[in-house]
């Protein structure tokens, strides 16, 4: 976990290299890790002290939201932000009910 309030450990989760690269560039000054799927993300949560997970558009559908909530099995208090290319009520409701802190639309 972050010891300095200005520097955070952020985990980016998505299969799209473009999303990972663009989002990483926005997080300059923070320690950024990436995972291409939820299993890899769970391993990163165990190995590293993560302050925030940003989950990309690959997971912005009902099944992806359900899979994303598996992150809470490893780190129950983890703040998770879901990024979507187009929001719909079903996905938004599933995300918020699943414990995801916020949902944003691209571009960031």
Protein backbone atom coordinates (compact mmCIF):
# COMPACT_ATOMS: atom_id res chain seq x y z
CA UNK A 1 0.00 0.00 0.00
CA UNK A 2 1.06 3.58 -0.56
CA UNK A 3 3.09 5.17 2.19
CA UNK A 4 3.29 8.53 0.44
CA UNK A 5 -0.10 10.12 -0.25
CA UNK A 6 1.14 11.37 -3.64
CA UNK A 7 2.22 7.97 -4.98
CA UNK A 8 -0.08 5.00 -5.42
CA UNK A 9 0.22 1.46 -6.72
CA UNK A 10 -2.32 1.01 -9.50
CA UNK A 11 -3.25 -2.22 -11.22
CA UNK A 12 -4.57 -1.91 -14.78
CA UNK A 13 -6.55 -4.92 -16.00
CA UNK A 14 -7.50 -5.35 -19.65
CA UNK A 15 -6.61 -7.46 -22.68
CA UNK A 16 -6.23 -4.40 -24.94
CA UNK A 17 -2.67 -3.09 -25.21
CA UNK A 18 -3.96 0.30 -26.39
CA UNK A 19 -6.06 0.79 -23.27
CA UNK A 20 -3.22 -0.36 -21.02
CA UNK A 21 -0.68 1.96 -22.67
CA UNK A 22 -2.91 5.03 -22.80
CA UNK A 23 -4.07 4.61 -19.20
CA UNK A 24 -0.55 4.00 -17.95
CA UNK A 25 0.57 7.27 -19.53
CA UNK A 26 -2.10 9.11 -17.51
CA UNK A 27 -0.71 7.67 -14.28
CA UNK A 28 2.81 9.10 -14.55
CA UNK A 29 4.39 9.31 -11.10
CA UNK A 30 2.52 6.29 -9.75
CA UNK A 31 3.66 2.68 -9.65
CA UNK A 32 1.63 0.94 -12.35
CA UNK A 33 1.21 -2.79 -12.83
CA UNK A 34 -0.79 -4.48 -15.57
CA UNK A 35 -2.65 -7.73 -16.01
CA UNK A 36 -4.38 -9.02 -19.11
CA UNK A 37 -7.01 -11.07 -17.25
CA UNK A 38 -8.54 -11.47 -13.79
CA UNK A 39 -6.39 -14.49 -12.86
CA UNK A 40 -3.23 -12.49 -13.54
CA UNK A 41 -4.73 -9.55 -11.63
CA UNK A 42 -5.40 -11.77 -8.62
CA UNK A 43 -1.75 -12.89 -8.66
CA UNK A 44 -0.59 -9.24 -8.77
CA UNK A 45 -2.81 -8.44 -5.79
CA UNK A 46 -1.08 -11.19 -3.81
CA UNK A 47 2.43 -10.19 -4.93
CA UNK A 48 2.19 -6.39 -4.78
CA UNK A 49 0.57 -3.82 -2.50
CA UNK A 50 -2.13 -2.40 -4.76
CA UNK A 51 -4.08 0.75 -3.85
CA UNK A 52 -6.47 0.87 -6.83
CA UNK A 53 -7.52 -1.38 -9.69
CA UNK A 54 -8.68 0.10 -12.97
CA UNK A 55 -10.47 -2.53 -15.05
CA UNK A 56 -10.81 -1.79 -18.75
CA UNK A 57 -13.55 -2.06 -21.35
CA UNK A 58 -12.84 -5.74 -22.02
CA UNK A 59 -14.72 -6.44 -18.76
CA UNK A 60 -17.56 -3.91 -19.20
CA UNK A 61 -20.34 -6.47 -19.67
CA UNK A 62 -22.32 -8.57 -17.18
CA UNK A 63 -20.03 -11.61 -17.24
CA UNK A 64 -16.95 -9.38 -17.10
CA UNK A 65 -18.32 -7.51 -14.09
CA UNK A 66 -18.98 -10.82 -12.32
CA UNK A 67 -15.42 -11.91 -13.09
CA UNK A 68 -14.04 -8.56 -11.89
CA UNK A 69 -15.67 -8.99 -8.49
CA UNK A 70 -13.36 -12.00 -7.97
CA UNK A 71 -10.66 -9.42 -7.17
CA UNK A 72 -12.45 -8.87 -3.85
CA UNK A 73 -11.74 -12.50 -2.91
CA UNK A 74 -8.06 -11.54 -2.72
CA UNK A 75 -8.35 -7.96 -1.43
CA UNK A 76 -11.87 -7.22 -0.09
CA UNK A 77 -11.34 -3.49 0.45
CA UNK A 78 -9.75 -2.84 -2.95
CA UNK A 79 -11.19 0.21 -4.71
CA UNK A 80 -12.07 -0.83 -8.28
CA UNK A 81 -12.88 1.51 -11.16
CA UNK A 82 -14.53 -0.02 -14.24
CA UNK A 83 -13.99 1.73 -17.57
CA UNK A 84 -16.60 1.21 -20.27
CA UNK A 85 -16.88 2.25 -23.90
CA UNK A 86 -20.63 2.60 -23.51
CA UNK A 87 -22.63 2.38 -20.34
CA UNK A 88 -25.91 0.60 -19.96
CA UNK A 89 -28.09 0.28 -16.90
CA UNK A 90 -27.60 -3.47 -16.54
CA UNK A 91 -23.80 -3.24 -16.42
CA UNK A 92 -23.85 -0.19 -14.17
CA UNK A 93 -26.23 -1.86 -11.72
CA UNK A 94 -24.19 -5.10 -11.69
CA UNK A 95 -20.97 -3.16 -11.12
CA UNK A 96 -22.26 -1.10 -8.23
CA UNK A 97 -24.02 -4.06 -6.61
CA UNK A 98 -20.84 -6.10 -7.00
CA UNK A 99 -18.78 -3.60 -5.02
CA UNK A 100 -17.12 -1.71 -7.85
CA UNK A 101 -16.63 1.85 -6.61
CA UNK A 102 -17.22 3.73 -9.86
CA UNK A 103 -17.80 3.30 -13.57
CA UNK A 104 -16.43 5.73 -16.17
CA UNK A 105 -16.76 5.96 -19.92
CA UNK A 106 -13.84 6.22 -22.31
CA UNK A 107 -11.94 8.26 -23.18
CA UNK A 108 -10.40 8.88 -19.77
